[in-house]
Amino acid sequence: MKLRIGYELDYHFPQPTPLILMLNVHFSRVSDLQTPDYIRFSPSVPVSAYRDGFGNWCTRLLAPQGAMRITADAIISDSGLPEAYDRSAGQVPVERLPEEAIVFLLASRFCDSDRLLDLAWQLFGHTQPGAPRVQAICDFVNQRITFNYNDASVTRSASDAYAEGRGVCRDYAHLAIAFCRAMNIPARYCTCYLGDIGTPPPWPPGDFAASFEAYLEGGWQMFDPRNNAPRIGRVLIARGRDAADVAIATTFGPNTLTGFKVWTDEVTEG
């Protein structure tokens, strides 16, 4: 199947403001792009780009004073199948983990696994190590947190999400990641496009989605504690330790987001 993916972000800047954007499709999916996901700016401005320490593609610019629109529109191929993971995958002992996975065992700004260590072992110490343990964590988080867009917070940590029992998809991901790390399972935060293909309507407005990958026998596998069910058409944008590493836009000055639209729609081929 083919998906039309893109976004339209409208900002107002009271003064010239530096930005770092993380909006391009992840390099692991670039070969699936049928049309490029170029970022377009109105008004047009000079940009530069670099790859960060996690391999994500980042775009730098200086936004001028006033209104700015940032947009992209692309076509990408997808299997059209619900995503799956190896339910029999075992847990990899810490001493056998590849070096690049070690950083995803450590507590981070929003995934404060050190504060949840004792709780994690109380809740999940009896579960089967590996994929069954990660799924048990997802099941728990899915039930623990109540989703509401109005409960979004840019400062809520995993331990806060556990205590408050509310949040948005990033809070589900942060709490599940923190529990995994507390159980010695490397876990990394993912920002993705994710539409509602295969789910019953009515569908909510489009948005970017947070999920996570856990390192198990056989490699990294995707989990989604917010939806907690196989989904169709997830398109990876960026990976990091937590949401702070993969913000779609990091602004270095005051600004107002005046418009936000995201789409991930199936393309009907005639």
C-alpha atoms as a PDB file:
ATOM      1  CA  MET A   1       0.000   0.000   0.000  1.00  0.00           C
ATOM      2  CA  LYS A   2       0.990   3.646  -0.290  1.00  0.00           C
ATOM      3  CA  LEU A   3       0.568   6.374   2.305  1.00  0.00           C
ATOM      4  CA  ARG A   4       0.419  10.114   1.927  1.00  0.00           C
ATOM      5  CA  ILE A   5       2.276  11.598   4.886  1.00  0.00           C
ATOM      6  CA  GLY A   6       2.902  15.195   5.831  1.00  0.00           C
ATOM      7  CA  TYR A   7       2.237  18.119   8.110  1.00  0.00           C
ATOM      8  CA  GLU A   8       1.521  21.827   8.198  1.00  0.00           C
ATOM      9  CA  LEU A   9       2.885  23.776  11.153  1.00  0.00           C
ATOM     10  CA  ASP A  10       2.155  27.490  11.567  1.00  0.00           C
ATOM     11  CA  TYR A  11       4.211  29.612  13.953  1.00  0.00           C
ATOM     12  CA  HIS A  12       4.404  33.240  14.946  1.00  0.00           C
ATOM     13  CA  PHE A  13       7.769  34.550  16.134  1.00  0.00           C
ATOM     14  CA  PRO A  14       7.961  37.948  17.883  1.00  0.00           C
ATOM     15  CA  GLN A  15      11.671  38.145  17.002  1.00  0.00           C
ATOM     16  CA  PRO A  16      14.170  36.229  14.832  1.00  0.00           C
ATOM     17  CA  THR A  17      14.398  32.798  16.474  1.00  0.00           C
ATOM     18  CA  PRO A  18      16.747  29.825  15.930  1.00  0.00           C
ATOM     19  CA  LEU A  19      15.021  26.456  15.336  1.00  0.00           C
ATOM     20  CA  ILE A  20      16.068  22.831  15.127  1.00  0.00           C
ATOM     21  CA  LEU A  21      13.554  20.586  13.365  1.00  0.00           C
ATOM     22  CA  MET A  22      13.382  16.794  13.413  1.00  0.00           C
ATOM     23  CA  LEU A  23      10.693  16.106  10.827  1.00  0.00           C
ATOM     24  CA  ASN A  24      12.195  13.994   8.057  1.00  0.00           C
ATOM     25  CA  VAL A  25      11.400  10.289   7.681  1.00  0.00           C
ATOM     26  CA  HIS A  26      14.046   8.171   9.438  1.00  0.00           C
ATOM     27  CA  PHE A  27      16.881   6.920   7.247  1.00  0.00           C
ATOM     28  CA  SER A  28      15.717   3.337   7.797  1.00  0.00           C
ATOM     29  CA  ARG A  29      12.539   4.161   5.806  1.00  0.00           C
ATOM     30  CA  VAL A  30      13.965   6.562   3.213  1.00  0.00           C
ATOM     31  CA  SER A  31      14.142   3.830   0.555  1.00  0.00           C
ATOM     32  CA  ASP A  32      10.347   3.461   0.880  1.00  0.00           C
ATOM     33  CA  LEU A  33       9.694   7.076  -0.103  1.00  0.00           C
ATOM     34  CA  GLN A  34       8.030   7.351  -3.511  1.00  0.00           C
ATOM     35  CA  THR A  35       8.250  11.157  -3.444  1.00  0.00           C
ATOM     36  CA  PRO A  36      10.722  13.070  -1.234  1.00  0.00           C
ATOM     37  CA  ASP A  37       9.654  14.556   2.089  1.00  0.00           C
ATOM     38  CA  TYR A  38      11.262  17.947   1.488  1.00  0.00           C
ATOM     39  CA  ILE A  39      10.596  20.510   4.218  1.00  0.00           C
ATOM     40  CA  ARG A  40       9.198  23.722   2.754  1.00  0.00           C
ATOM     41  CA  PHE A  41       9.216  27.097   4.461  1.00  0.00           C
ATOM     42  CA  SER A  42       7.082  30.158   3.878  1.00  0.00           C
ATOM     43  CA  PRO A  43       8.751  32.602   3.832  1.00  0.00           C
ATOM     44  CA  SER A  44      11.775  30.855   2.379  1.00  0.00           C
ATOM     45  CA  VAL A  45      14.895  30.888   4.570  1.00  0.00           C
ATOM     46  CA  PRO A  46      18.415  29.399   4.384  1.00  0.00           C
ATOM     47  CA  VAL A  47      18.739  26.063   6.190  1.00  0.00           C
ATOM     48  CA  SER A  48      21.509  23.660   7.130  1.00  0.00           C
ATOM     49  CA  ALA A  49      21.329  20.056   8.304  1.00  0.00           C
ATOM     50  CA  TYR A  50      23.237  17.527  10.356  1.00  0.00           C
ATOM     51  CA  ARG A  51      22.846  14.043  11.803  1.00  0.00           C
ATOM     52  CA  ASP A  52      22.687  13.850  15.601  1.00  0.00           C
ATOM     53  CA  GLY A  53      24.281  11.263  17.882  1.00  0.00           C
ATOM     54  CA  PHE A  54      21.339   8.883  17.425  1.00  0.00           C
ATOM     55  CA  GLY A  55      21.389   9.056  13.631  1.00  0.00           C
ATOM     56  CA  ASN A  56      18.394  11.372  13.294  1.00  0.00           C
ATOM     57  CA  TRP A  57      18.367  14.008  10.531  1.00  0.00           C
ATOM     58  CA  CYS A  58      18.093  17.542  11.944  1.00  0.00           C
ATOM     59  CA  THR A  59      17.395  20.817  10.138  1.00  0.00           C
ATOM     60  CA  ARG A  60      18.638  24.179  11.440  1.00  0.00           C
ATOM     61  CA  LEU A  61      17.322  27.609  10.538  1.00  0.00           C
ATOM     62  CA  LEU A  62      16.771  31.115  11.807  1.00  0.00           C
ATOM     63  CA  ALA A  63      13.065  31.903  11.629  1.00  0.00           C
ATOM     64  CA  PRO A  64      12.379  35.558  10.817  1.00  0.00           C
ATOM     65  CA  GLN A  65      10.110  37.743  12.888  1.00  0.00           C
ATOM     66  CA  GLY A  66       6.440  37.216  12.085  1.00  0.00           C
ATOM     67  CA  ALA A  67       4.433  34.311  10.706  1.00  0.00           C
ATOM     68  CA  MET A  68       6.056  31.165   9.275  1.00  0.00           C
ATOM     69  CA  ARG A  69       4.580  27.995   7.788  1.00  0.00           C
ATOM     70  CA  ILE A  70       6.582  24.724   7.814  1.00  0.00           C
ATOM     71  CA  THR A  71       5.151  21.946   5.686  1.00  0.00           C
ATOM     72  CA  ALA A  72       5.892  18.709   3.836  1.00  0.00           C
ATOM     73  CA  ASP A  73       3.858  16.278   1.753  1.00  0.00           C
ATOM     74  CA  ALA A  74       5.196  12.912   0.541  1.00  0.00           C
ATOM     75  CA  ILE A  75       4.194   9.428  -0.586  1.00  0.00           C
ATOM     76  CA  ILE A  76       5.703   6.358   1.076  1.00  0.00           C
ATOM     77  CA  SER A  77       5.273   2.636   0.460  1.00  0.00           C
ATOM     78  CA  ASP A  78       4.236   0.390   3.337  1.00  0.00           C
ATOM     79  CA  SER A  79       3.565  -3.323   3.690  1.00  0.00           C
ATOM     80  CA  GLY A  80      -0.050  -2.628   4.639  1.00  0.00           C
ATOM     81  CA  LEU A  81       0.209  -5.355   7.269  1.00  0.00           C
ATOM     82  CA  PRO A  82      -0.286  -4.959  11.014  1.00  0.00           C
ATOM     83  CA  GLU A  83       3.068  -4.632  12.732  1.00  0.00           C
ATOM     84  CA  ALA A  84       4.274  -7.642  14.691  1.00  0.00           C
ATOM     85  CA  TYR A  85       7.008  -8.602  17.108  1.00  0.00           C
ATOM     86  CA  ASP A  86       8.577 -11.906  18.088  1.00  0.00           C
ATOM     87  CA  ARG A  87       6.509 -12.918  21.099  1.00  0.00           C
ATOM     88  CA  SER A  88       9.030 -15.616  21.972  1.00  0.00           C
ATOM     89  CA  ALA A  89      12.080 -13.309  22.002  1.00  0.00           C
ATOM     90  CA  GLY A  90      14.083 -13.657  25.194  1.00  0.00           C
ATOM     91  CA  GLN A  91      15.820 -10.997  27.250  1.00  0.00           C
ATOM     92  CA  VAL A  92      19.502 -10.332  26.532  1.00  0.00           C
ATOM     93  CA  PRO A  93      21.692 -10.339  29.666  1.00  0.00           C
ATOM     94  CA  VAL A  94      23.340  -6.967  30.297  1.00  0.00           C
ATOM     95  CA  GLU A  95      26.822  -8.419  29.850  1.00  0.00           C
ATOM     96  CA  ARG A  96      25.891  -9.570  26.333  1.00  0.00           C
ATOM     97  CA  LEU A  97      24.287  -6.337  25.141  1.00  0.00           C
ATOM     98  CA  PRO A  98      25.933  -4.472  22.247  1.00  0.00           C
ATOM     99  CA  GLU A  99      27.622  -1.258  23.352  1.00  0.00           C
ATOM    100  CA  GLU A 100      25.192   0.932  21.406  1.00  0.00           C
ATOM    101  CA  ALA A 101      22.290  -0.412  23.492  1.00  0.00           C
ATOM    102  CA  ILE A 102      23.828   0.448  26.882  1.00  0.00           C
ATOM    103  CA  VAL A 103      22.795   4.134  26.800  1.00  0.00           C
ATOM    104  CA  PHE A 104      19.164   3.002  26.527  1.00  0.00           C
ATOM    105  CA  LEU A 105      19.466   1.223  29.885  1.00  0.00           C
ATOM    106  CA  LEU A 106      20.223   4.463  31.725  1.00  0.00           C
ATOM    107  CA  ALA A 107      17.791   6.837  33.381  1.00  0.00           C
ATOM    108  CA  SER A 108      17.133  10.020  31.384  1.00  0.00           C
ATOM    109  CA  ARG A 109      15.348  13.349  31.799  1.00  0.00           C
ATOM    110  CA  PHE A 110      11.820  11.985  31.288  1.00  0.00           C
ATOM    111  CA  CYS A 111      12.427   8.245  31.788  1.00  0.00           C
ATOM    112  CA  ASP A 112      13.499   8.344  35.437  1.00  0.00           C
ATOM    113  CA  SER A 113      13.846   4.595  35.806  1.00  0.00           C
ATOM    114  CA  ASP A 114      15.964   5.017  38.943  1.00  0.00           C
ATOM    115  CA  ARG A 115      12.881   6.337  40.768  1.00  0.00           C
ATOM    116  CA  LEU A 116      10.778   3.400  39.586  1.00  0.00           C
ATOM    117  CA  LEU A 117      13.278   0.598  40.205  1.00  0.00           C
ATOM    118  CA  ASP A 118      11.676  -1.021  43.255  1.00  0.00           C
ATOM    119  CA  LEU A 119       8.162  -0.581  41.884  1.00  0.00           C
ATOM    120  CA  ALA A 120       9.122  -2.158  38.555  1.00  0.00           C
ATOM    121  CA  TRP A 121      10.464  -5.287  40.220  1.00  0.00           C
ATOM    122  CA  GLN A 122       7.387  -5.530  42.442  1.00  0.00           C
ATOM    123  CA  LEU A 123       5.084  -5.286  39.434  1.00  0.00           C
ATOM    124  CA  PHE A 124       6.988  -7.274  36.808  1.00  0.00           C
ATOM    125  CA  GLY A 125       9.590  -9.384  38.605  1.00  0.00           C
ATOM    126  CA  HIS A 126       7.333 -12.436  38.315  1.00  0.00           C
ATOM    127  CA  THR A 127       6.808 -12.105  34.550  1.00  0.00           C
ATOM    128  CA  GLN A 128       8.667 -14.127  31.929  1.00  0.00           C
ATOM    129  CA  PRO A 129      11.813 -12.241  30.844  1.00  0.00           C
ATOM    130  CA  GLY A 130      11.880 -10.994  27.252  1.00  0.00           C
ATOM    131  CA  ALA A 131       8.960 -10.074  25.014  1.00  0.00           C
ATOM    132  CA  PRO A 132       6.322 -11.334  27.488  1.00  0.00           C
ATOM    133  CA  ARG A 133       7.734  -9.003  30.159  1.00  0.00           C
ATOM    134  CA  VAL A 134       7.720  -6.013  27.795  1.00  0.00           C
ATOM    135  CA  GLN A 135       4.127  -6.799  26.809  1.00  0.00           C
ATOM    136  CA  ALA A 136       3.155  -7.059  30.479  1.00  0.00           C
ATOM    137  CA  ILE A 137       4.635  -3.600  30.990  1.00  0.00           C
ATOM    138  CA  CYS A 138       2.657  -2.253  28.005  1.00  0.00           C
ATOM    139  CA  ASP A 139      -0.548  -3.829  29.336  1.00  0.00           C
ATOM    140  CA  PHE A 140      -0.023  -2.224  32.730  1.00  0.00           C
ATOM    141  CA  VAL A 141       0.823   1.216  31.334  1.00  0.00           C
ATOM    142  CA  ASN A 142      -2.149   1.087  28.957  1.00  0.00           C
ATOM    143  CA  GLN A 143      -4.452   0.600  31.943  1.00  0.00           C
ATOM    144  CA  ARG A 144      -2.611   2.909  34.343  1.00  0.00           C
ATOM    145  CA  ILE A 145      -2.757   6.076  32.209  1.00  0.00           C
ATOM    146  CA  THR A 146      -5.954   7.728  30.996  1.00  0.00           C
ATOM    147  CA  PHE A 147      -5.477   9.476  27.652  1.00  0.00           C
ATOM    148  CA  ASN A 148      -6.573  13.063  27.193  1.00  0.00           C
ATOM    149  CA  TYR A 149      -5.053  15.681  24.861  1.00  0.00           C
ATOM    150  CA  ASN A 150      -5.815  18.344  27.470  1.00  0.00           C
ATOM    151  CA  ASP A 151      -3.472  16.564  29.902  1.00  0.00           C
ATOM    152  CA  ALA A 152      -0.372  17.101  27.746  1.00  0.00           C
ATOM    153  CA  SER A 153       2.605  18.442  29.691  1.00  0.00           C
ATOM    154  CA  VAL A 154       6.152  19.122  28.469  1.00  0.00           C
ATOM    155  CA  THR A 155       7.593  18.609  31.963  1.00  0.00           C
ATOM    156  CA  ARG A 156       5.863  15.362  33.086  1.00  0.00           C
ATOM    157  CA  SER A 157       8.305  12.512  33.777  1.00  0.00           C
ATOM    158  CA  ALA A 158       7.589   8.789  33.807  1.00  0.00           C
ATOM    159  CA  SER A 159       7.275   8.745  37.586  1.00  0.00           C
ATOM    160  CA  ASP A 160       4.908  11.731  37.396  1.00  0.00           C
ATOM    161  CA  ALA A 161       2.794   9.905  34.788  1.00  0.00           C
ATOM    162  CA  TYR A 162       2.590   6.872  37.073  1.00  0.00           C
ATOM    163  CA  ALA A 163       1.552   8.998  40.061  1.00  0.00           C
ATOM    164  CA  GLU A 164      -0.958  11.126  38.135  1.00  0.00           C
ATOM    165  CA  GLY A 165      -2.387   8.342  35.955  1.00  0.00           C
ATOM    166  CA  ARG A 166      -3.024  10.686  33.026  1.00  0.00           C
ATOM    167  CA  GLY A 167      -1.314  11.979  29.934  1.00  0.00           C
ATOM    168  CA  VAL A 168      -0.795  11.612  26.197  1.00  0.00           C
ATOM    169  CA  CYS A 169       1.126   9.129  24.052  1.00  0.00           C
ATOM    170  CA  ARG A 170       4.540  10.435  25.105  1.00  0.00           C
ATOM    171  CA  ASP A 171       3.641   9.705  28.741  1.00  0.00           C
ATOM    172  CA  TYR A 172       2.674   6.122  27.910  1.00  0.00           C
ATOM    173  CA  ALA A 173       5.993   5.667  26.110  1.00  0.00           C
ATOM    174  CA  HIS A 174       8.046   7.305  28.866  1.00  0.00           C
ATOM    175  CA  LEU A 175       6.523   5.148  31.610  1.00  0.00           C
ATOM    176  CA  ALA A 176       6.915   1.912  29.635  1.00  0.00           C
ATOM    177  CA  ILE A 177      10.513   2.787  28.737  1.00  0.00           C
ATOM    178  CA  ALA A 178      11.347   3.593  32.364  1.00  0.00           C
ATOM    179  CA  PHE A 179       9.894   0.270  33.555  1.00  0.00           C
ATOM    180  CA  CYS A 180      11.837  -1.616  30.868  1.00  0.00           C
ATOM    181  CA  ARG A 181      15.104   0.049  31.819  1.00  0.00           C
ATOM    182  CA  ALA A 182      14.442  -0.677  35.490  1.00  0.00           C
ATOM    183  CA  MET A 183      14.106  -4.352  34.458  1.00  0.00           C
ATOM    184  CA  ASN A 184      17.446  -4.217  32.558  1.00  0.00           C
ATOM    185  CA  ILE A 185      15.792  -4.093  29.114  1.00  0.00           C
ATOM    186  CA  PRO A 186      17.197  -1.371  26.812  1.00  0.00           C
ATOM    187  CA  ALA A 187      14.362   0.805  25.495  1.00  0.00           C
ATOM    188  CA  ARG A 188      14.384   3.845  23.214  1.00  0.00           C
ATOM    189  CA  TYR A 189      11.748   6.472  22.488  1.00  0.00           C
ATOM    190  CA  CYS A 190      10.361   6.765  18.937  1.00  0.00           C
ATOM    191  CA  THR A 191       8.488   9.563  17.185  1.00  0.00           C
ATOM    192  CA  CYS A 192       6.423   8.366  14.214  1.00  0.00           C
ATOM    193  CA  TYR A 193       3.653   9.105  11.804  1.00  0.00           C
ATOM    194  CA  LEU A 194       0.710   6.881  12.723  1.00  0.00           C
ATOM    195  CA  GLY A 195      -2.712   7.121  11.134  1.00  0.00           C
ATOM    196  CA  ASP A 196      -5.886   5.183  11.831  1.00  0.00           C
ATOM    197  CA  ILE A 197      -5.799   2.723   8.938  1.00  0.00           C
ATOM    198  CA  GLY A 198      -7.550  -0.495   9.941  1.00  0.00           C
ATOM    199  CA  THR A 199      -9.310   1.008  12.948  1.00  0.00           C
ATOM    200  CA  PRO A 200     -13.040   1.837  13.070  1.00  0.00           C
ATOM    201  CA  PRO A 201     -14.117   5.477  12.591  1.00  0.00           C
ATOM    202  CA  PRO A 202     -14.667   8.122  13.770  1.00  0.00           C
ATOM    203  CA  TRP A 203     -10.995   9.012  13.584  1.00  0.00           C
ATOM    204  CA  PRO A 204      -9.417  11.831  15.596  1.00  0.00           C
ATOM    205  CA  PRO A 205      -7.383  14.587  13.916  1.00  0.00           C
ATOM    206  CA  GLY A 206      -3.975  13.447  12.667  1.00  0.00           C
ATOM    207  CA  ASP A 207      -0.970  13.715  14.945  1.00  0.00           C
ATOM    208  CA  PHE A 208       2.559  12.477  15.411  1.00  0.00           C
ATOM    209  CA  ALA A 209       2.712   9.442  17.711  1.00  0.00           C
ATOM    210  CA  ALA A 210       5.088   8.226  20.395  1.00  0.00           C
ATOM    211  CA  SER A 211       6.032   4.571  20.814  1.00  0.00           C
ATOM    212  CA  PHE A 212       9.203   2.728  21.825  1.00  0.00           C
ATOM    213  CA  GLU A 213      11.576  -0.026  20.810  1.00  0.00           C
ATOM    214  CA  ALA A 214      12.926  -2.637  23.232  1.00  0.00           C
ATOM    215  CA  TYR A 215      16.154  -4.528  22.628  1.00  0.00           C
ATOM    216  CA  LEU A 216      15.492  -8.280  22.859  1.00  0.00           C
ATOM    217  CA  GLU A 217      16.960 -11.413  21.323  1.00  0.00           C
ATOM    218  CA  GLY A 218      16.953 -10.767  17.588  1.00  0.00           C
ATOM    219  CA  GLY A 219      17.307  -6.991  17.932  1.00  0.00           C
ATOM    220  CA  TRP A 220      15.072  -3.952  18.432  1.00  0.00           C
ATOM    221  CA  GLN A 221      11.317  -4.490  18.395  1.00  0.00           C
ATOM    222  CA  MET A 222       8.519  -1.877  18.346  1.00  0.00           C
ATOM    223  CA  PHE A 223       5.918  -1.599  21.131  1.00  0.00           C
ATOM    224  CA  ASP A 224       3.049   0.858  21.538  1.00  0.00           C
ATOM    225  CA  PRO A 225       1.601   1.058  25.077  1.00  0.00           C
ATOM    226  CA  ARG A 226      -0.842   3.823  24.094  1.00  0.00           C
ATOM    227  CA  ASN A 227      -2.723   1.743  21.494  1.00  0.00           C
ATOM    228  CA  ASN A 228      -1.456  -1.638  22.757  1.00  0.00           C
ATOM    229  CA  ALA A 229      -2.514  -3.386  19.547  1.00  0.00           C
ATOM    230  CA  PRO A 230      -0.809  -4.060  16.188  1.00  0.00           C
ATOM    231  CA  ARG A 231      -1.196  -1.032  13.911  1.00  0.00           C
ATOM    232  CA  ILE A 232      -0.836  -0.472  10.182  1.00  0.00           C
ATOM    233  CA  GLY A 233       1.278   2.229   8.587  1.00  0.00           C
ATOM    234  CA  ARG A 234       3.613   3.402  11.350  1.00  0.00           C
ATOM    235  CA  VAL A 235       6.428   5.478   9.798  1.00  0.00           C
ATOM    236  CA  LEU A 236       9.466   6.162  11.979  1.00  0.00           C
ATOM    237  CA  ILE A 237      10.830   9.714  12.166  1.00  0.00           C
ATOM    238  CA  ALA A 238      13.364   9.699  15.004  1.00  0.00           C
ATOM    239  CA  ARG A 239      14.711   7.734  17.974  1.00  0.00           C
ATOM    240  CA  GLY A 240      16.299   8.837  21.237  1.00  0.00           C
ATOM    241  CA  ARG A 241      16.480   8.381  24.991  1.00  0.00           C
ATOM    242  CA  ASP A 242      13.191  10.220  25.535  1.00  0.00           C
ATOM    243  CA  ALA A 243      11.040  12.982  24.029  1.00  0.00           C
ATOM    244  CA  ALA A 244      13.687  15.630  24.713  1.00  0.00           C
ATOM    245  CA  ASP A 245      15.980  13.977  22.143  1.00  0.00           C
ATOM    246  CA  VAL A 246      13.398  13.809  19.357  1.00  0.00           C
ATOM    247  CA  ALA A 247      11.251  16.939  19.619  1.00  0.00           C
ATOM    248  CA  ILE A 248       9.797  17.762  16.200  1.00  0.00           C
ATOM    249  CA  ALA A 249      10.739  21.400  16.794  1.00  0.00           C
ATOM    250  CA  THR A 250      13.151  22.871  19.329  1.00  0.00           C
ATOM    251  CA  THR A 251      12.880  26.658  19.483  1.00  0.00           C
ATOM    252  CA  PHE A 252      15.393  28.978  21.099  1.00  0.00           C
ATOM    253  CA  GLY A 253      13.128  31.924  21.829  1.00  0.00           C
ATOM    254  CA  PRO A 254       9.475  32.878  22.350  1.00  0.00           C
ATOM    255  CA  ASN A 255       6.957  31.681  19.790  1.00  0.00           C
ATOM    256  CA  THR A 256       3.325  30.700  19.340  1.00  0.00           C
ATOM    257  CA  LEU A 257       2.151  27.618  17.464  1.00  0.00           C
ATOM    258  CA  THR A 258      -0.912  28.968  15.656  1.00  0.00           C
ATOM    259  CA  GLY A 259      -1.726  25.953  13.466  1.00  0.00           C
ATOM    260  CA  PHE A 260      -0.990  22.220  13.564  1.00  0.00           C
ATOM    261  CA  LYS A 261      -2.046  19.568  11.063  1.00  0.00           C
ATOM    262  CA  VAL A 262      -0.632  16.080  10.396  1.00  0.00           C
ATOM    263  CA  TRP A 263      -1.799  13.454   7.921  1.00  0.00           C
ATOM    264  CA  THR A 264      -1.067   9.767   7.344  1.00  0.00           C
ATOM    265  CA  ASP A 265      -3.644   8.627   4.782  1.00  0.00           C
ATOM    266  CA  GLU A 266      -3.899   5.601   2.561  1.00  0.00           C
ATOM    267  CA  VAL A 267      -3.558   6.450  -1.125  1.00  0.00           C
ATOM    268  CA  THR A 268      -6.213   4.788  -3.260  1.00  0.00           C
ATOM    269  CA  GLU A 269      -4.508   3.518  -6.387  1.00  0.00           C
ATOM    270  CA  GLY A 270      -6.659   3.617  -9.491  1.00  0.00           C
END
